[in-house]
């Protein structure tokens, strides 16, 4: 498998991206398993972190960037390799922090994990390349892929 970033390596497909919801899918394959046919818990965490960060990006003020400050995962059930769906919504969108909750379900709609993460909002210079990329995503100038 070759990919130019972790989101592509996981195979995340964004279905809906807005200030109030991020919905995405991915196909967890054998490379995402724990070696016993079940999806590795770290995949749930990485999937949810990606969605929470994307939601935070959608709510960033100008000349700001975001990073995950804290993340907590409740593992509710194991899933066999296959389709995962992540549905992420804001709990709090503030000036310096945002809190996002992602529910990860399997192909049958059964809840596998619930992840709550805190994103920090950091003021940067307008020419910061990471800030420019995040604002490009926020403003629709860069596609969500």
C-alpha atoms as a PDB file:
ATOM      1  CA  UNK A   1       0.000   0.000   0.000  1.00  0.00           C
ATOM      2  CA  UNK A   2       1.332   3.408  -0.923  1.00  0.00           C
ATOM      3  CA  UNK A   3      -0.258   6.708  -0.006  1.00  0.00           C
ATOM      4  CA  UNK A   4       1.011  10.249   0.385  1.00  0.00           C
ATOM      5  CA  UNK A   5      -0.665  10.767   3.774  1.00  0.00           C
ATOM      6  CA  UNK A   6      -2.204   8.842   6.662  1.00  0.00           C
ATOM      7  CA  UNK A   7      -5.790   9.709   5.721  1.00  0.00           C
ATOM      8  CA  UNK A   8      -5.305   8.129   2.309  1.00  0.00           C
ATOM      9  CA  UNK A   9      -3.434   5.185   3.848  1.00  0.00           C
ATOM     10  CA  UNK A  10      -6.476   4.474   6.017  1.00  0.00           C
ATOM     11  CA  UNK A  11      -8.729   4.880   2.983  1.00  0.00           C
ATOM     12  CA  UNK A  12     -11.037   7.404   4.638  1.00  0.00           C
ATOM     13  CA  UNK A  13     -13.837   8.676   2.389  1.00  0.00           C
ATOM     14  CA  UNK A  14     -15.591  11.847   3.519  1.00  0.00           C
ATOM     15  CA  UNK A  15     -19.343  11.678   2.908  1.00  0.00           C
ATOM     16  CA  UNK A  16     -20.371  14.949   4.588  1.00  0.00           C
ATOM     17  CA  UNK A  17     -18.216  17.742   5.996  1.00  0.00           C
ATOM     18  CA  UNK A  18     -19.715  20.805   7.665  1.00  0.00           C
ATOM     19  CA  UNK A  19     -19.358  22.930  10.798  1.00  0.00           C
ATOM     20  CA  UNK A  20     -21.834  20.674  12.615  1.00  0.00           C
ATOM     21  CA  UNK A  21     -21.122  17.189  11.292  1.00  0.00           C
ATOM     22  CA  UNK A  22     -18.421  15.079   9.702  1.00  0.00           C
ATOM     23  CA  UNK A  23     -19.550  11.743   8.282  1.00  0.00           C
ATOM     24  CA  UNK A  24     -17.006   9.385   6.755  1.00  0.00           C
ATOM     25  CA  UNK A  25     -16.431   5.750   5.840  1.00  0.00           C
ATOM     26  CA  UNK A  26     -13.445   3.466   5.515  1.00  0.00           C
ATOM     27  CA  UNK A  27     -12.912  -0.156   4.646  1.00  0.00           C
ATOM     28  CA  UNK A  28     -10.867  -1.865   7.348  1.00  0.00           C
ATOM     29  CA  UNK A  29      -8.890  -4.666   5.766  1.00  0.00           C
ATOM     30  CA  UNK A  30      -6.530  -7.320   7.077  1.00  0.00           C
ATOM     31  CA  UNK A  31      -3.789  -4.684   7.325  1.00  0.00           C
ATOM     32  CA  UNK A  32      -5.975  -2.876   9.891  1.00  0.00           C
ATOM     33  CA  UNK A  33      -6.599  -5.975  11.999  1.00  0.00           C
ATOM     34  CA  UNK A  34      -5.141  -7.165  15.269  1.00  0.00           C
ATOM     35  CA  UNK A  35      -4.045 -10.396  13.607  1.00  0.00           C
ATOM     36  CA  UNK A  36      -7.155 -12.259  14.764  1.00  0.00           C
ATOM     37  CA  UNK A  37      -9.593 -10.918  12.167  1.00  0.00           C
ATOM     38  CA  UNK A  38     -10.826  -8.020  14.304  1.00  0.00           C
ATOM     39  CA  UNK A  39     -10.196  -4.355  13.568  1.00  0.00           C
ATOM     40  CA  UNK A  40      -7.355  -3.023  15.753  1.00  0.00           C
ATOM     41  CA  UNK A  41      -8.545  -0.474  18.328  1.00  0.00           C
ATOM     42  CA  UNK A  42      -5.979   2.020  17.095  1.00  0.00           C
ATOM     43  CA  UNK A  43      -7.848   2.157  13.790  1.00  0.00           C
ATOM     44  CA  UNK A  44     -10.995   3.337  15.579  1.00  0.00           C
ATOM     45  CA  UNK A  45      -8.912   5.982  17.327  1.00  0.00           C
ATOM     46  CA  UNK A  46      -7.113   7.196  14.199  1.00  0.00           C
ATOM     47  CA  UNK A  47     -10.350   7.263  12.191  1.00  0.00           C
ATOM     48  CA  UNK A  48     -12.164   9.285  14.866  1.00  0.00           C
ATOM     49  CA  UNK A  49      -9.217  11.652  15.373  1.00  0.00           C
ATOM     50  CA  UNK A  50      -9.226  12.449  11.670  1.00  0.00           C
ATOM     51  CA  UNK A  51     -12.948  13.256  11.716  1.00  0.00           C
ATOM     52  CA  UNK A  52     -12.767  15.393  14.876  1.00  0.00           C
ATOM     53  CA  UNK A  53      -9.837  17.347  13.486  1.00  0.00           C
ATOM     54  CA  UNK A  54     -11.683  17.929  10.210  1.00  0.00           C
ATOM     55  CA  UNK A  55     -14.719  19.231  12.129  1.00  0.00           C
ATOM     56  CA  UNK A  56     -12.483  21.572  14.101  1.00  0.00           C
ATOM     57  CA  UNK A  57     -10.898  22.823  10.883  1.00  0.00           C
ATOM     58  CA  UNK A  58     -14.348  23.701   9.556  1.00  0.00           C
ATOM     59  CA  UNK A  59     -14.865  25.999  12.569  1.00  0.00           C
ATOM     60  CA  UNK A  60     -11.449  27.689  12.649  1.00  0.00           C
ATOM     61  CA  UNK A  61     -11.217  31.475  12.671  1.00  0.00           C
ATOM     62  CA  UNK A  62      -8.886  33.076  10.129  1.00  0.00           C
ATOM     63  CA  UNK A  63      -5.152  32.687  10.794  1.00  0.00           C
ATOM     64  CA  UNK A  64      -5.632  29.753  13.172  1.00  0.00           C
ATOM     65  CA  UNK A  65      -4.781  26.077  13.098  1.00  0.00           C
ATOM     66  CA  UNK A  66      -5.808  23.143  15.267  1.00  0.00           C
ATOM     67  CA  UNK A  67      -4.265  20.080  16.849  1.00  0.00           C
ATOM     68  CA  UNK A  68      -5.597  17.312  19.048  1.00  0.00           C
ATOM     69  CA  UNK A  69      -5.014  18.147  22.688  1.00  0.00           C
ATOM     70  CA  UNK A  70      -6.704  15.130  24.292  1.00  0.00           C
ATOM     71  CA  UNK A  71      -8.587  12.039  23.156  1.00  0.00           C
ATOM     72  CA  UNK A  72     -10.574   9.396  25.027  1.00  0.00           C
ATOM     73  CA  UNK A  73     -11.886   6.225  23.445  1.00  0.00           C
ATOM     74  CA  UNK A  74     -14.553   3.912  24.813  1.00  0.00           C
ATOM     75  CA  UNK A  75     -14.248   0.562  23.039  1.00  0.00           C
ATOM     76  CA  UNK A  76     -17.731  -0.949  22.961  1.00  0.00           C
ATOM     77  CA  UNK A  77     -17.384  -3.993  20.710  1.00  0.00           C
ATOM     78  CA  UNK A  78     -14.988  -5.559  18.290  1.00  0.00           C
ATOM     79  CA  UNK A  79     -15.648  -5.490  14.575  1.00  0.00           C
ATOM     80  CA  UNK A  80     -14.585  -7.878  11.878  1.00  0.00           C
ATOM     81  CA  UNK A  81     -12.658  -6.352   9.022  1.00  0.00           C
ATOM     82  CA  UNK A  82     -15.012  -4.500   6.707  1.00  0.00           C
ATOM     83  CA  UNK A  83     -16.738  -1.158   6.418  1.00  0.00           C
ATOM     84  CA  UNK A  84     -16.584   1.320   9.301  1.00  0.00           C
ATOM     85  CA  UNK A  85     -18.665   4.487   9.522  1.00  0.00           C
ATOM     86  CA  UNK A  86     -17.714   7.487  11.646  1.00  0.00           C
ATOM     87  CA  UNK A  87     -20.279  10.123  12.607  1.00  0.00           C
ATOM     88  CA  UNK A  88     -18.703  13.124  14.323  1.00  0.00           C
ATOM     89  CA  UNK A  89     -20.488  16.078  15.927  1.00  0.00           C
ATOM     90  CA  UNK A  90     -19.380  19.025  18.070  1.00  0.00           C
ATOM     91  CA  UNK A  91     -19.934  19.073  21.815  1.00  0.00           C
ATOM     92  CA  UNK A  92     -18.326  22.514  22.251  1.00  0.00           C
ATOM     93  CA  UNK A  93     -16.928  25.025  19.769  1.00  0.00           C
ATOM     94  CA  UNK A  94     -15.108  27.756  21.647  1.00  0.00           C
ATOM     95  CA  UNK A  95     -12.507  30.405  20.966  1.00  0.00           C
ATOM     96  CA  UNK A  96      -9.489  28.358  22.143  1.00  0.00           C
ATOM     97  CA  UNK A  97     -10.780  24.771  22.275  1.00  0.00           C
ATOM     98  CA  UNK A  98     -13.295  22.544  20.557  1.00  0.00           C
ATOM     99  CA  UNK A  99     -14.646  19.192  21.738  1.00  0.00           C
ATOM    100  CA  UNK A 100     -15.861  16.627  19.198  1.00  0.00           C
ATOM    101  CA  UNK A 101     -17.556  13.255  19.685  1.00  0.00           C
ATOM    102  CA  UNK A 102     -17.291  10.494  17.089  1.00  0.00           C
ATOM    103  CA  UNK A 103     -19.357   7.322  17.059  1.00  0.00           C
ATOM    104  CA  UNK A 104     -17.765   4.507  15.045  1.00  0.00           C
ATOM    105  CA  UNK A 105     -20.110   1.798  13.773  1.00  0.00           C
ATOM    106  CA  UNK A 106     -19.566  -1.386  11.773  1.00  0.00           C
ATOM    107  CA  UNK A 107     -21.199  -2.416   8.490  1.00  0.00           C
ATOM    108  CA  UNK A 108     -24.283  -3.584  10.417  1.00  0.00           C
ATOM    109  CA  UNK A 109     -24.696  -0.232  12.179  1.00  0.00           C
ATOM    110  CA  UNK A 110     -23.540  -1.623  15.528  1.00  0.00           C
ATOM    111  CA  UNK A 111     -21.667   0.855  17.713  1.00  0.00           C
ATOM    112  CA  UNK A 112     -18.007  -0.190  18.081  1.00  0.00           C
ATOM    113  CA  UNK A 113     -16.479   2.847  19.773  1.00  0.00           C
ATOM    114  CA  UNK A 114     -17.224   6.334  21.001  1.00  0.00           C
ATOM    115  CA  UNK A 115     -14.372   8.833  20.930  1.00  0.00           C
ATOM    116  CA  UNK A 116     -14.345  12.272  22.533  1.00  0.00           C
ATOM    117  CA  UNK A 117     -11.476  14.577  21.670  1.00  0.00           C
ATOM    118  CA  UNK A 118     -10.426  18.105  22.499  1.00  0.00           C
ATOM    119  CA  UNK A 119      -8.891  20.235  19.772  1.00  0.00           C
ATOM    120  CA  UNK A 120      -6.800  23.292  20.603  1.00  0.00           C
ATOM    121  CA  UNK A 121      -7.179  26.387  18.423  1.00  0.00           C
ATOM    122  CA  UNK A 122      -3.880  28.216  17.941  1.00  0.00           C
ATOM    123  CA  UNK A 123      -3.367  31.669  16.400  1.00  0.00           C
ATOM    124  CA  UNK A 124      -0.683  31.648  13.686  1.00  0.00           C
ATOM    125  CA  UNK A 125       0.795  33.923  11.074  1.00  0.00           C
ATOM    126  CA  UNK A 126      -1.193  34.228   7.820  1.00  0.00           C
ATOM    127  CA  UNK A 127       1.687  32.745   5.780  1.00  0.00           C
ATOM    128  CA  UNK A 128       1.950  29.554   7.880  1.00  0.00           C
ATOM    129  CA  UNK A 129       1.607  26.683   5.341  1.00  0.00           C
ATOM    130  CA  UNK A 130      -0.353  24.402   7.695  1.00  0.00           C
ATOM    131  CA  UNK A 131      -2.767  27.223   8.489  1.00  0.00           C
ATOM    132  CA  UNK A 132      -3.163  27.959   4.783  1.00  0.00           C
ATOM    133  CA  UNK A 133      -3.972  24.281   4.081  1.00  0.00           C
ATOM    134  CA  UNK A 134      -6.488  24.113   6.932  1.00  0.00           C
ATOM    135  CA  UNK A 135      -8.177  27.308   5.761  1.00  0.00           C
ATOM    136  CA  UNK A 136      -8.239  25.940   2.218  1.00  0.00           C
ATOM    137  CA  UNK A 137     -10.117  22.885   3.512  1.00  0.00           C
ATOM    138  CA  UNK A 138     -12.439  25.086   5.577  1.00  0.00           C
ATOM    139  CA  UNK A 139     -13.199  27.382   2.643  1.00  0.00           C
ATOM    140  CA  UNK A 140     -13.702  24.577   0.097  1.00  0.00           C
ATOM    141  CA  UNK A 141     -10.593  25.468  -1.913  1.00  0.00           C
ATOM    142  CA  UNK A 142      -9.060  22.067  -1.116  1.00  0.00           C
ATOM    143  CA  UNK A 143     -11.296  18.988  -1.499  1.00  0.00           C
ATOM    144  CA  UNK A 144     -11.969  16.728   1.492  1.00  0.00           C
ATOM    145  CA  UNK A 145     -10.292  13.487   0.470  1.00  0.00           C
END
